């Protein structure tokens, strides 16, 4: 199966508040995440931009197949997916690691793993060897997210369901849900600020 031949490059715009920093050369999301967990609103905005890029990939009848922080570049308030290859990463879906059939729901799993890491400051699935990582992805369960709105936590865990049919089924649905949660988080932040 040639799943890793399905790559696409797409820019997706972020709100200025999510850009960090406005630098002349792009930085990877991995660099942005290096200091640990991101604030909920910022993590949601990066996830929204990435989901929008993946939606375009899927509209073209393709699967990106290798989402990970180092493949998301940020520059002047924009996120771009870049072409890269990998054997196995902590963002691969269970069906990928066993060499099964994949579709857009594998990208949904990967985005769930990416958002989990942005919110938790740690990977959803981690191991010191490739065989152990494969075992974790297939059978392991991430530590529940802490200090995150319950609806956001539930959304992440839905994306990380082992069986594709139990995940959110379309990137359009995930994108709309992420936008709703970002609106709720923004409103909550404004209320908290107003009460000070």
C-alpha atoms as a PDB file:
ATOM      1  CA  UNK A   1       0.000   0.000   0.000  1.00  0.00           C
ATOM      2  CA  UNK A   2       1.470   3.355  -1.041  1.00  0.00           C
ATOM      3  CA  UNK A   3      -0.078   5.529   1.632  1.00  0.00           C
ATOM      4  CA  UNK A   4       2.940   7.814   2.002  1.00  0.00           C
ATOM      5  CA  UNK A   5       2.781   8.981  -1.575  1.00  0.00           C
ATOM      6  CA  UNK A   6      -0.313  11.018  -0.760  1.00  0.00           C
ATOM      7  CA  UNK A   7       1.034  14.396   0.243  1.00  0.00           C
ATOM      8  CA  UNK A   8      -0.161  17.925  -0.354  1.00  0.00           C
ATOM      9  CA  UNK A   9       1.100  21.351   0.613  1.00  0.00           C
ATOM     10  CA  UNK A  10      -1.446  23.876   1.754  1.00  0.00           C
ATOM     11  CA  UNK A  11      -1.343  27.115   3.702  1.00  0.00           C
ATOM     12  CA  UNK A  12      -4.063  27.946   6.203  1.00  0.00           C
ATOM     13  CA  UNK A  13      -4.386  31.316   7.861  1.00  0.00           C
ATOM     14  CA  UNK A  14      -4.297  31.733  11.618  1.00  0.00           C
ATOM     15  CA  UNK A  15      -5.700  34.626  13.594  1.00  0.00           C
ATOM     16  CA  UNK A  16      -2.896  37.029  14.579  1.00  0.00           C
ATOM     17  CA  UNK A  17      -3.221  36.082  18.252  1.00  0.00           C
ATOM     18  CA  UNK A  18      -2.176  32.546  17.388  1.00  0.00           C
ATOM     19  CA  UNK A  19       0.948  33.529  15.483  1.00  0.00           C
ATOM     20  CA  UNK A  20       4.048  33.264  17.615  1.00  0.00           C
ATOM     21  CA  UNK A  21       6.189  35.014  16.757  1.00  0.00           C
ATOM     22  CA  UNK A  22       5.875  37.007  13.513  1.00  0.00           C
ATOM     23  CA  UNK A  23       9.266  36.011  12.177  1.00  0.00           C
ATOM     24  CA  UNK A  24      10.808  36.395   8.742  1.00  0.00           C
ATOM     25  CA  UNK A  25      11.518  32.686   8.377  1.00  0.00           C
ATOM     26  CA  UNK A  26       9.070  29.930   9.247  1.00  0.00           C
ATOM     27  CA  UNK A  27       9.272  27.931  12.453  1.00  0.00           C
ATOM     28  CA  UNK A  28       7.807  24.487  12.911  1.00  0.00           C
ATOM     29  CA  UNK A  29       4.996  23.768  15.292  1.00  0.00           C
ATOM     30  CA  UNK A  30       7.491  21.459  16.998  1.00  0.00           C
ATOM     31  CA  UNK A  31       9.594  24.507  17.883  1.00  0.00           C
ATOM     32  CA  UNK A  32       6.520  26.341  19.156  1.00  0.00           C
ATOM     33  CA  UNK A  33       5.626  23.355  21.354  1.00  0.00           C
ATOM     34  CA  UNK A  34       9.132  22.835  22.697  1.00  0.00           C
ATOM     35  CA  UNK A  35       8.469  24.802  25.882  1.00  0.00           C
ATOM     36  CA  UNK A  36       5.507  22.628  26.850  1.00  0.00           C
ATOM     37  CA  UNK A  37       1.730  22.832  26.736  1.00  0.00           C
ATOM     38  CA  UNK A  38       0.097  25.696  24.848  1.00  0.00           C
ATOM     39  CA  UNK A  39      -2.861  27.752  26.107  1.00  0.00           C
ATOM     40  CA  UNK A  40      -6.172  26.197  25.069  1.00  0.00           C
ATOM     41  CA  UNK A  41      -7.161  28.979  22.670  1.00  0.00           C
ATOM     42  CA  UNK A  42      -3.795  28.967  20.930  1.00  0.00           C
ATOM     43  CA  UNK A  43      -3.789  25.174  20.613  1.00  0.00           C
ATOM     44  CA  UNK A  44      -7.298  25.257  19.148  1.00  0.00           C
ATOM     45  CA  UNK A  45      -6.312  27.912  16.621  1.00  0.00           C
ATOM     46  CA  UNK A  46      -3.336  25.885  15.430  1.00  0.00           C
ATOM     47  CA  UNK A  47      -5.584  22.835  15.224  1.00  0.00           C
ATOM     48  CA  UNK A  48      -8.164  24.799  13.220  1.00  0.00           C
ATOM     49  CA  UNK A  49      -5.532  25.962  10.726  1.00  0.00           C
ATOM     50  CA  UNK A  50      -4.182  22.428  10.379  1.00  0.00           C
ATOM     51  CA  UNK A  51      -7.674  20.970   9.993  1.00  0.00           C
ATOM     52  CA  UNK A  52      -8.434  23.474   7.239  1.00  0.00           C
ATOM     53  CA  UNK A  53      -5.284  22.418   5.398  1.00  0.00           C
ATOM     54  CA  UNK A  54      -6.184  18.744   5.787  1.00  0.00           C
ATOM     55  CA  UNK A  55      -9.716  19.417   4.581  1.00  0.00           C
ATOM     56  CA  UNK A  56      -8.308  20.700   1.298  1.00  0.00           C
ATOM     57  CA  UNK A  57      -6.136  17.578   1.031  1.00  0.00           C
ATOM     58  CA  UNK A  58      -9.181  15.383   1.490  1.00  0.00           C
ATOM     59  CA  UNK A  59     -11.213  17.364  -1.036  1.00  0.00           C
ATOM     60  CA  UNK A  60      -8.525  16.455  -3.560  1.00  0.00           C
ATOM     61  CA  UNK A  61      -9.103  12.775  -2.818  1.00  0.00           C
ATOM     62  CA  UNK A  62      -5.815  12.423  -0.951  1.00  0.00           C
ATOM     63  CA  UNK A  63      -4.670  11.404   2.519  1.00  0.00           C
ATOM     64  CA  UNK A  64      -1.836  13.417   4.047  1.00  0.00           C
ATOM     65  CA  UNK A  65      -0.670  10.440   6.067  1.00  0.00           C
ATOM     66  CA  UNK A  66       2.189  11.979   8.072  1.00  0.00           C
ATOM     67  CA  UNK A  67       0.955  14.784  10.279  1.00  0.00           C
ATOM     68  CA  UNK A  68       3.396  15.696  13.044  1.00  0.00           C
ATOM     69  CA  UNK A  69       4.591  18.962  14.619  1.00  0.00           C
ATOM     70  CA  UNK A  70       7.731  19.216  12.493  1.00  0.00           C
ATOM     71  CA  UNK A  71       5.586  19.077   9.338  1.00  0.00           C
ATOM     72  CA  UNK A  72       3.487  22.097  10.308  1.00  0.00           C
ATOM     73  CA  UNK A  73       5.292  25.359   9.588  1.00  0.00           C
ATOM     74  CA  UNK A  74       4.225  28.704  11.035  1.00  0.00           C
ATOM     75  CA  UNK A  75       5.075  32.054   9.475  1.00  0.00           C
ATOM     76  CA  UNK A  76       3.430  35.457   9.845  1.00  0.00           C
ATOM     77  CA  UNK A  77       0.175  34.059  11.156  1.00  0.00           C
ATOM     78  CA  UNK A  78      -0.051  31.162   8.700  1.00  0.00           C
ATOM     79  CA  UNK A  79       0.349  27.414   8.977  1.00  0.00           C
ATOM     80  CA  UNK A  80       1.609  25.245   6.128  1.00  0.00           C
ATOM     81  CA  UNK A  81       1.778  21.477   5.810  1.00  0.00           C
ATOM     82  CA  UNK A  82       4.999  20.275   4.230  1.00  0.00           C
ATOM     83  CA  UNK A  83       5.947  17.101   2.435  1.00  0.00           C
ATOM     84  CA  UNK A  84       7.944  14.577   4.441  1.00  0.00           C
ATOM     85  CA  UNK A  85       8.293  10.837   4.862  1.00  0.00           C
ATOM     86  CA  UNK A  86       8.396   8.628   7.932  1.00  0.00           C
ATOM     87  CA  UNK A  87       8.262   4.923   8.803  1.00  0.00           C
ATOM     88  CA  UNK A  88       6.275   5.294  12.017  1.00  0.00           C
ATOM     89  CA  UNK A  89       5.588   8.269  14.279  1.00  0.00           C
ATOM     90  CA  UNK A  90       3.554   8.796  17.475  1.00  0.00           C
ATOM     91  CA  UNK A  91       0.860  10.380  15.271  1.00  0.00           C
ATOM     92  CA  UNK A  92       0.228   7.327  13.087  1.00  0.00           C
ATOM     93  CA  UNK A  93      -3.203   5.736  13.408  1.00  0.00           C
ATOM     94  CA  UNK A  94      -3.584   2.097  14.499  1.00  0.00           C
ATOM     95  CA  UNK A  95      -4.517   1.094  10.964  1.00  0.00           C
ATOM     96  CA  UNK A  96      -1.352   2.727   9.649  1.00  0.00           C
ATOM     97  CA  UNK A  97       1.009   0.947  12.009  1.00  0.00           C
ATOM     98  CA  UNK A  98      -0.390  -2.464  11.074  1.00  0.00           C
ATOM     99  CA  UNK A  99      -0.190  -1.686   7.356  1.00  0.00           C
ATOM    100  CA  UNK A 100      -3.958  -1.667   6.894  1.00  0.00           C
ATOM    101  CA  UNK A 101      -6.175   0.361   4.612  1.00  0.00           C
ATOM    102  CA  UNK A 102      -6.207   4.057   5.469  1.00  0.00           C
ATOM    103  CA  UNK A 103      -8.423   6.995   4.615  1.00  0.00           C
ATOM    104  CA  UNK A 104      -9.060  10.537   5.880  1.00  0.00           C
ATOM    105  CA  UNK A 105      -9.879   9.175   9.343  1.00  0.00           C
ATOM    106  CA  UNK A 106      -6.185   8.404   9.821  1.00  0.00           C
ATOM    107  CA  UNK A 107      -5.510  12.129   9.459  1.00  0.00           C
ATOM    108  CA  UNK A 108      -8.259  12.801  12.013  1.00  0.00           C
ATOM    109  CA  UNK A 109      -6.487  10.463  14.450  1.00  0.00           C
ATOM    110  CA  UNK A 110      -3.189  12.256  13.783  1.00  0.00           C
ATOM    111  CA  UNK A 111      -4.722  15.675  14.387  1.00  0.00           C
ATOM    112  CA  UNK A 112      -6.192  14.377  17.638  1.00  0.00           C
ATOM    113  CA  UNK A 113      -2.732  13.214  18.703  1.00  0.00           C
ATOM    114  CA  UNK A 114      -1.246  16.571  17.724  1.00  0.00           C
ATOM    115  CA  UNK A 115      -3.887  18.554  19.625  1.00  0.00           C
ATOM    116  CA  UNK A 116      -3.451  16.277  22.648  1.00  0.00           C
ATOM    117  CA  UNK A 117       0.261  17.077  22.702  1.00  0.00           C
ATOM    118  CA  UNK A 118      -0.324  20.816  22.308  1.00  0.00           C
ATOM    119  CA  UNK A 119      -2.703  20.773  25.290  1.00  0.00           C
ATOM    120  CA  UNK A 120      -0.855  18.306  27.528  1.00  0.00           C
ATOM    121  CA  UNK A 121       2.759  19.137  26.743  1.00  0.00           C
ATOM    122  CA  UNK A 122       3.426  15.434  26.168  1.00  0.00           C
ATOM    123  CA  UNK A 123       2.700  12.915  23.429  1.00  0.00           C
ATOM    124  CA  UNK A 124      -0.463  10.830  23.539  1.00  0.00           C
ATOM    125  CA  UNK A 125       1.629   7.780  22.610  1.00  0.00           C
ATOM    126  CA  UNK A 126       5.326   7.502  23.398  1.00  0.00           C
ATOM    127  CA  UNK A 127       7.891   4.702  23.596  1.00  0.00           C
ATOM    128  CA  UNK A 128      11.638   4.281  23.287  1.00  0.00           C
ATOM    129  CA  UNK A 129      11.502   1.789  20.391  1.00  0.00           C
ATOM    130  CA  UNK A 130       9.435   1.443  17.233  1.00  0.00           C
ATOM    131  CA  UNK A 131       7.920  -1.926  18.279  1.00  0.00           C
ATOM    132  CA  UNK A 132       6.934  -0.475  21.650  1.00  0.00           C
ATOM    133  CA  UNK A 133       5.464   2.607  19.970  1.00  0.00           C
ATOM    134  CA  UNK A 134       3.453   0.378  17.651  1.00  0.00           C
ATOM    135  CA  UNK A 135       2.113  -1.485  20.686  1.00  0.00           C
ATOM    136  CA  UNK A 136       1.162   1.773  22.418  1.00  0.00           C
ATOM    137  CA  UNK A 137      -0.702   3.121  19.395  1.00  0.00           C
ATOM    138  CA  UNK A 138      -2.598  -0.120  18.874  1.00  0.00           C
ATOM    139  CA  UNK A 139      -3.474  -0.867  22.488  1.00  0.00           C
ATOM    140  CA  UNK A 140      -2.440   1.985  24.770  1.00  0.00           C
ATOM    141  CA  UNK A 141      -4.652   4.716  26.216  1.00  0.00           C
ATOM    142  CA  UNK A 142      -3.450   8.308  26.655  1.00  0.00           C
ATOM    143  CA  UNK A 143      -3.419   9.823  30.129  1.00  0.00           C
ATOM    144  CA  UNK A 144      -6.585  11.956  30.479  1.00  0.00           C
ATOM    145  CA  UNK A 145      -6.075  15.641  29.752  1.00  0.00           C
ATOM    146  CA  UNK A 146      -5.965  17.964  32.760  1.00  0.00           C
ATOM    147  CA  UNK A 147      -7.012  21.627  33.026  1.00  0.00           C
ATOM    148  CA  UNK A 148      -8.765  21.476  29.668  1.00  0.00           C
ATOM    149  CA  UNK A 149     -12.477  22.147  29.047  1.00  0.00           C
ATOM    150  CA  UNK A 150     -14.345  18.809  29.157  1.00  0.00           C
ATOM    151  CA  UNK A 151     -15.784  19.295  25.664  1.00  0.00           C
ATOM    152  CA  UNK A 152     -12.298  19.812  24.236  1.00  0.00           C
ATOM    153  CA  UNK A 153     -10.969  16.767  26.062  1.00  0.00           C
ATOM    154  CA  UNK A 154     -13.873  14.669  24.781  1.00  0.00           C
ATOM    155  CA  UNK A 155     -13.251  15.903  21.252  1.00  0.00           C
ATOM    156  CA  UNK A 156      -9.581  14.906  21.407  1.00  0.00           C
ATOM    157  CA  UNK A 157     -10.388  11.450  22.760  1.00  0.00           C
ATOM    158  CA  UNK A 158     -13.017  10.944  20.051  1.00  0.00           C
ATOM    159  CA  UNK A 159     -10.359  11.636  17.418  1.00  0.00           C
ATOM    160  CA  UNK A 160      -8.079   9.082  19.113  1.00  0.00           C
ATOM    161  CA  UNK A 161     -10.534   6.195  18.988  1.00  0.00           C
ATOM    162  CA  UNK A 162      -8.765   3.006  17.881  1.00  0.00           C
ATOM    163  CA  UNK A 163     -11.470   2.030  15.381  1.00  0.00           C
ATOM    164  CA  UNK A 164     -11.892   4.486  12.488  1.00  0.00           C
ATOM    165  CA  UNK A 165     -15.676   4.138  12.519  1.00  0.00           C
ATOM    166  CA  UNK A 166     -15.785   5.465  16.100  1.00  0.00           C
ATOM    167  CA  UNK A 167     -13.875   8.650  15.284  1.00  0.00           C
ATOM    168  CA  UNK A 168     -15.295  11.847  13.908  1.00  0.00           C
ATOM    169  CA  UNK A 169     -15.938  10.821  10.327  1.00  0.00           C
ATOM    170  CA  UNK A 170     -15.129  13.919   8.296  1.00  0.00           C
ATOM    171  CA  UNK A 171     -12.569  16.685   8.591  1.00  0.00           C
ATOM    172  CA  UNK A 172     -15.341  19.222   7.884  1.00  0.00           C
ATOM    173  CA  UNK A 173     -17.140  18.075  11.040  1.00  0.00           C
ATOM    174  CA  UNK A 174     -13.965  18.206  13.101  1.00  0.00           C
ATOM    175  CA  UNK A 175     -13.137  21.654  11.744  1.00  0.00           C
ATOM    176  CA  UNK A 176     -16.586  23.019  12.629  1.00  0.00           C
ATOM    177  CA  UNK A 177     -16.365  21.528  16.119  1.00  0.00           C
ATOM    178  CA  UNK A 178     -12.902  22.989  16.694  1.00  0.00           C
ATOM    179  CA  UNK A 179     -14.156  26.425  15.639  1.00  0.00           C
ATOM    180  CA  UNK A 180     -17.079  26.167  18.035  1.00  0.00           C
ATOM    181  CA  UNK A 181     -14.784  25.218  20.913  1.00  0.00           C
ATOM    182  CA  UNK A 182     -12.454  28.111  20.077  1.00  0.00           C
ATOM    183  CA  UNK A 183     -15.421  30.520  20.181  1.00  0.00           C
ATOM    184  CA  UNK A 184     -16.471  29.115  23.555  1.00  0.00           C
ATOM    185  CA  UNK A 185     -12.906  29.343  24.891  1.00  0.00           C
ATOM    186  CA  UNK A 186     -12.585  32.933  23.683  1.00  0.00           C
ATOM    187  CA  UNK A 187     -15.890  33.914  25.285  1.00  0.00           C
ATOM    188  CA  UNK A 188     -14.847  32.265  28.540  1.00  0.00           C
ATOM    189  CA  UNK A 189     -11.537  34.127  28.487  1.00  0.00           C
ATOM    190  CA  UNK A 190     -13.314  37.456  27.924  1.00  0.00           C
ATOM    191  CA  UNK A 191     -15.681  36.797  30.831  1.00  0.00           C
ATOM    192  CA  UNK A 192     -12.765  35.931  33.097  1.00  0.00           C
ATOM    193  CA  UNK A 193     -10.950  39.116  32.103  1.00  0.00           C
ATOM    194  CA  UNK A 194     -14.064  41.251  32.626  1.00  0.00           C
ATOM    195  CA  UNK A 195     -14.541  39.873  36.132  1.00  0.00           C
ATOM    196  CA  UNK A 196     -11.082  40.988  37.283  1.00  0.00           C
END
